[in-house]
Amino acid sequence: MLMNKIIFPILCMFLVIPAMAQTTVQADERLIDSFGAARVQTMTNQTPDSIRYYNYFLNYSYEIWKAEDVEKYVNPTNAGSVILSEDNLAALDNLENFNILKTGLKWSQDQVLWFKIENADFYIKLMSVNYIEKKFKAGK
């Protein structure tokens, strides 16, 4: 009997703490940089799934390709162009700091889009919104 009084609270603790931890979401700093602290805090409180989605989006909605590889393997016709800010230009060496939301680019619902980075020897490949959402939902 005494053993049950000890084991039950410990078991409950191991079940409740992980469940509480899963509901907490931390916004990526790049979201705060893009949307502002107040809006991100509101999103965190009211729609934490939107923070999870944007965190995913910041990392998986695009790819950066060297221009020589794109021209050799892909050679996209109708590629758009973009000029990156100094911060994003510097972040090409460390994509954890690259903020795709600050590029001003628009995604297609169902097509991959290519953009030549005019002030660097790279391209940005934007995944389609359908692809991003499918991958996000599969990872949940």
Protein backbone atom coordinates (compact mmCIF):
# COMPACT_ATOMS: atom_id res chain seq x y z
CA MET A 1 0.00 0.00 0.00
CA LEU A 2 2.77 2.43 0.93
CA MET A 3 4.59 1.48 -2.27
CA ASN A 4 1.49 2.37 -4.34
CA LYS A 5 1.33 5.80 -2.69
CA ILE A 6 4.90 6.45 -3.75
CA ILE A 7 4.84 4.94 -7.23
CA PHE A 8 1.57 6.54 -8.41
CA PRO A 9 2.69 10.20 -7.92
CA ILE A 10 6.04 9.47 -9.56
CA LEU A 11 4.32 7.78 -12.50
CA CYS A 12 1.96 10.76 -12.87
CA MET A 13 4.91 13.14 -12.87
CA PHE A 14 6.57 11.24 -15.71
CA LEU A 15 3.37 11.32 -17.74
CA VAL A 16 2.35 14.95 -17.11
CA ILE A 17 5.70 16.75 -17.51
CA PRO A 18 6.38 15.51 -21.09
CA ALA A 19 2.81 16.38 -22.10
CA MET A 20 3.25 19.93 -20.76
CA ALA A 21 6.61 20.30 -22.50
CA GLN A 22 5.07 19.45 -25.88
CA THR A 23 2.67 22.39 -25.68
CA THR A 24 5.47 24.94 -25.23
CA VAL A 25 6.77 26.43 -28.45
CA GLN A 26 9.79 28.69 -28.89
CA ALA A 27 9.73 31.09 -31.83
CA ASP A 28 12.80 31.27 -34.01
CA GLU A 29 14.59 34.62 -33.65
CA ARG A 30 14.14 35.19 -37.39
CA LEU A 31 10.36 35.29 -36.82
CA ILE A 32 10.77 38.07 -34.28
CA ASP A 33 13.02 39.88 -36.75
CA SER A 34 10.35 39.56 -39.46
CA PHE A 35 7.09 40.04 -37.55
CA GLY A 36 8.12 41.90 -34.39
CA ALA A 37 8.13 40.68 -30.79
CA ALA A 38 4.54 41.69 -30.00
CA ARG A 39 3.01 39.85 -32.96
CA VAL A 40 5.12 36.74 -32.33
CA GLN A 41 4.10 36.73 -28.66
CA THR A 42 0.44 36.98 -29.65
CA MET A 43 0.88 34.12 -32.12
CA THR A 44 2.69 32.04 -29.48
CA ASN A 45 -0.16 32.55 -27.01
CA GLN A 46 -3.11 32.23 -29.39
CA THR A 47 -1.95 29.96 -32.21
CA PRO A 48 1.21 28.04 -31.23
CA ASP A 49 0.85 25.83 -34.31
CA SER A 50 1.46 28.88 -36.48
CA ILE A 51 4.80 29.38 -34.70
CA ARG A 52 5.67 25.73 -35.31
CA TYR A 53 4.76 26.15 -38.98
CA TYR A 54 6.81 29.32 -39.42
CA ASN A 55 9.77 27.75 -37.60
CA TYR A 56 9.55 24.89 -40.10
CA PHE A 57 9.03 27.32 -42.99
CA LEU A 58 12.18 29.27 -42.12
CA ASN A 59 14.28 26.16 -42.59
CA TYR A 60 12.54 24.04 -45.21
CA SER A 61 10.62 26.30 -47.60
CA TYR A 62 13.64 26.93 -49.81
CA GLU A 63 17.06 25.69 -50.88
CA ILE A 64 20.15 27.71 -51.78
CA TRP A 65 22.02 26.43 -54.84
CA LYS A 66 25.35 27.47 -56.33
CA ALA A 67 24.77 29.11 -59.70
CA GLU A 68 27.12 26.71 -61.47
CA ASP A 69 25.12 23.70 -60.22
CA VAL A 70 21.81 25.22 -61.23
CA GLU A 71 23.08 26.07 -64.68
CA LYS A 72 24.60 22.58 -65.07
CA TYR A 73 21.79 20.41 -63.68
CA VAL A 74 18.59 22.44 -63.64
CA ASN A 75 18.88 25.47 -65.91
CA PRO A 76 15.53 26.95 -64.91
CA THR A 77 13.73 28.94 -67.55
CA ASN A 78 11.81 31.96 -66.32
CA ALA A 79 13.92 32.32 -63.16
CA GLY A 80 13.17 35.52 -61.31
CA SER A 81 15.76 37.63 -59.58
CA VAL A 82 16.27 38.97 -56.09
CA ILE A 83 18.78 41.21 -54.37
CA LEU A 84 19.57 40.12 -50.83
CA SER A 85 20.04 42.42 -47.85
CA GLU A 86 23.53 42.57 -46.35
CA ASP A 87 22.40 40.37 -43.43
CA ASN A 88 21.01 37.67 -45.70
CA LEU A 89 23.99 37.92 -48.01
CA ALA A 90 26.33 37.28 -45.08
CA ALA A 91 24.09 34.42 -43.91
CA LEU A 92 24.64 32.44 -47.11
CA ASP A 93 27.60 30.91 -45.27
CA ASN A 94 25.40 29.90 -42.32
CA LEU A 95 21.78 29.30 -43.33
CA GLU A 96 20.65 29.15 -39.68
CA ASN A 97 20.88 32.95 -39.87
CA PHE A 98 19.33 33.29 -43.33
CA ASN A 99 15.86 34.85 -43.11
CA ILE A 100 13.82 33.83 -46.15
CA LEU A 101 10.93 35.96 -44.90
CA LYS A 102 13.06 39.10 -45.39
CA THR A 103 13.58 38.47 -49.12
CA GLY A 104 10.14 39.67 -50.18
CA LEU A 105 9.71 36.60 -52.40
CA LYS A 106 6.28 35.07 -53.03
CA TRP A 107 5.66 31.32 -53.08
CA SER A 108 3.50 29.49 -55.59
CA GLN A 109 0.76 27.23 -54.30
CA ASP A 110 1.78 24.33 -56.53
CA GLN A 111 5.01 25.14 -58.40
CA VAL A 112 8.69 25.31 -57.54
CA LEU A 113 10.10 28.76 -58.29
CA TRP A 114 13.72 29.74 -58.94
CA PHE A 115 15.32 33.13 -58.27
CA LYS A 116 18.81 34.24 -59.23
CA ILE A 117 20.47 36.13 -56.39
CA GLU A 118 21.78 39.16 -58.25
CA ASN A 119 24.40 40.15 -55.67
CA ALA A 120 25.82 36.64 -55.20
CA ASP A 121 26.62 33.59 -57.30
CA PHE A 122 23.62 31.61 -56.03
CA TYR A 123 20.00 30.77 -56.75
CA ILE A 124 17.10 30.34 -54.35
CA LYS A 125 14.72 27.47 -55.02
CA LEU A 126 11.31 28.07 -53.41
CA MET A 127 9.32 24.94 -52.69
CA SER A 128 5.60 25.05 -53.45
CA VAL A 129 3.22 25.85 -50.59
CA ASN A 130 1.51 22.48 -51.13
CA TYR A 131 4.86 20.69 -50.73
CA ILE A 132 5.80 22.68 -47.62
CA GLU A 133 2.44 22.04 -45.94
CA LYS A 134 2.53 18.34 -46.79
CA LYS A 135 6.03 17.95 -45.34
CA PHE A 136 5.13 20.00 -42.25
CA LYS A 137 2.06 17.88 -41.54
CA ALA A 138 4.03 14.66 -42.08
CA GLY A 139 6.57 15.76 -39.47
CA LYS A 140 3.98 16.50 -36.77
